[in-house]
């Protein structure tokens, strides 16, 4: 499952990446590929990268700007929003294992 992570601060990006890597190490059925990660609002370039790579965008305490929101709707890019790390990890685990959330 390819992901793009965008967060409000670098510490959150690092914590999310670490938790997702640990998730992959604990369960060989979990295949998460980090396409890109960064700090700040979800931008149009993030959405275009997600569209090209088939990635899901995970926003942690951030939202897309209006242009990015329009492009995401037009391109069918899935953007997930979180403000607590544990539901984000649980959702990722369920998605890659094919179980309902």
Protein backbone atom coordinates (compact mmCIF):
# COMPACT_ATOMS: atom_id res chain seq x y z
CA UNK A 1 0.00 0.00 0.00
CA UNK A 2 1.72 3.20 -1.11
CA UNK A 3 1.30 6.17 1.26
CA UNK A 4 2.06 9.87 1.30
CA UNK A 5 2.30 11.28 4.83
CA UNK A 6 1.76 14.98 5.53
CA UNK A 7 1.79 16.30 9.08
CA UNK A 8 1.87 19.54 11.05
CA UNK A 9 5.35 18.97 12.53
CA UNK A 10 8.39 16.86 11.66
CA UNK A 11 8.12 14.92 14.91
CA UNK A 12 4.70 13.64 13.88
CA UNK A 13 6.02 12.57 10.47
CA UNK A 14 8.82 10.63 12.14
CA UNK A 15 6.51 8.98 14.65
CA UNK A 16 4.05 7.91 11.94
CA UNK A 17 6.80 6.56 9.69
CA UNK A 18 8.32 4.65 12.61
CA UNK A 19 5.00 3.16 13.65
CA UNK A 20 4.19 2.07 10.10
CA UNK A 21 7.64 0.52 9.64
CA UNK A 22 7.20 -1.36 12.92
CA UNK A 23 3.80 -2.54 11.72
CA UNK A 24 5.43 -3.92 8.55
CA UNK A 25 8.17 -5.64 10.57
CA UNK A 26 5.64 -7.33 12.87
CA UNK A 27 3.41 -8.73 10.12
CA UNK A 28 4.70 -9.87 6.73
CA UNK A 29 1.21 -9.40 5.26
CA UNK A 30 1.60 -5.66 5.81
CA UNK A 31 3.33 -4.04 2.85
CA UNK A 32 3.46 -0.27 3.23
CA UNK A 33 5.56 1.84 0.88
CA UNK A 34 6.29 5.44 1.81
CA UNK A 35 6.14 7.38 -1.44
CA UNK A 36 6.71 10.77 0.19
CA UNK A 37 6.42 12.50 3.55
CA UNK A 38 6.57 16.10 4.60
CA UNK A 39 5.42 18.90 6.84
CA UNK A 40 2.66 21.34 5.96
CA UNK A 41 -0.70 21.41 4.26
CA UNK A 42 -1.52 18.86 1.59
CA UNK A 43 -0.72 20.57 -1.70
CA UNK A 44 -1.56 20.04 -5.33
CA UNK A 45 1.84 18.43 -5.97
CA UNK A 46 1.15 15.87 -3.21
CA UNK A 47 -2.15 14.99 -4.85
CA UNK A 48 -0.56 14.68 -8.31
CA UNK A 49 2.13 12.39 -6.87
CA UNK A 50 -0.56 10.27 -5.20
CA UNK A 51 -2.50 10.05 -8.46
CA UNK A 52 0.61 8.98 -10.39
CA UNK A 53 1.73 6.40 -7.81
CA UNK A 54 -1.67 5.10 -6.69
CA UNK A 55 -0.94 6.28 -3.14
CA UNK A 56 -3.30 7.23 -0.35
CA UNK A 57 -2.57 10.56 1.33
CA UNK A 58 -2.63 10.60 5.11
CA UNK A 59 -2.95 14.03 6.66
CA UNK A 60 -2.05 14.26 10.35
CA UNK A 61 -3.35 17.55 11.80
CA UNK A 62 -3.32 19.06 8.29
CA UNK A 63 -5.85 19.53 5.50
CA UNK A 64 -5.51 20.07 1.75
CA UNK A 65 -5.50 23.54 0.29
CA UNK A 66 -8.50 24.34 -1.99
CA UNK A 67 -6.61 23.59 -5.23
CA UNK A 68 -5.39 20.25 -3.87
CA UNK A 69 -8.92 19.34 -2.77
CA UNK A 70 -10.26 19.99 -6.29
CA UNK A 71 -7.50 17.95 -7.94
CA UNK A 72 -8.05 15.08 -5.46
CA UNK A 73 -11.75 15.01 -6.29
CA UNK A 74 -11.06 15.08 -10.03
CA UNK A 75 -8.30 12.43 -9.88
CA UNK A 76 -10.07 10.17 -7.36
CA UNK A 77 -7.26 10.42 -4.82
CA UNK A 78 -8.12 9.13 -1.35
CA UNK A 79 -7.16 11.54 1.45
CA UNK A 80 -7.49 10.36 5.05
CA UNK A 81 -7.41 12.76 7.98
CA UNK A 82 -6.23 11.96 11.49
CA UNK A 83 -5.26 13.79 14.65
CA UNK A 84 -4.47 10.75 16.82
CA UNK A 85 -1.79 8.27 15.76
CA UNK A 86 -3.41 5.06 17.06
CA UNK A 87 -6.50 5.13 14.80
CA UNK A 88 -4.18 5.94 11.87
CA UNK A 89 -2.12 2.81 12.56
CA UNK A 90 -5.24 0.66 13.08
CA UNK A 91 -6.74 1.94 9.82
CA UNK A 92 -3.49 1.23 7.95
CA UNK A 93 -3.30 -2.29 9.39
CA UNK A 94 -6.91 -3.01 8.39
CA UNK A 95 -6.43 -1.59 4.90
CA UNK A 96 -3.39 -3.68 4.02
CA UNK A 97 -4.85 -6.83 5.58
CA UNK A 98 -8.14 -6.33 3.73
CA UNK A 99 -10.23 -6.33 6.88
CA UNK A 100 -13.04 -3.87 7.52
CA UNK A 101 -12.21 -0.77 9.54
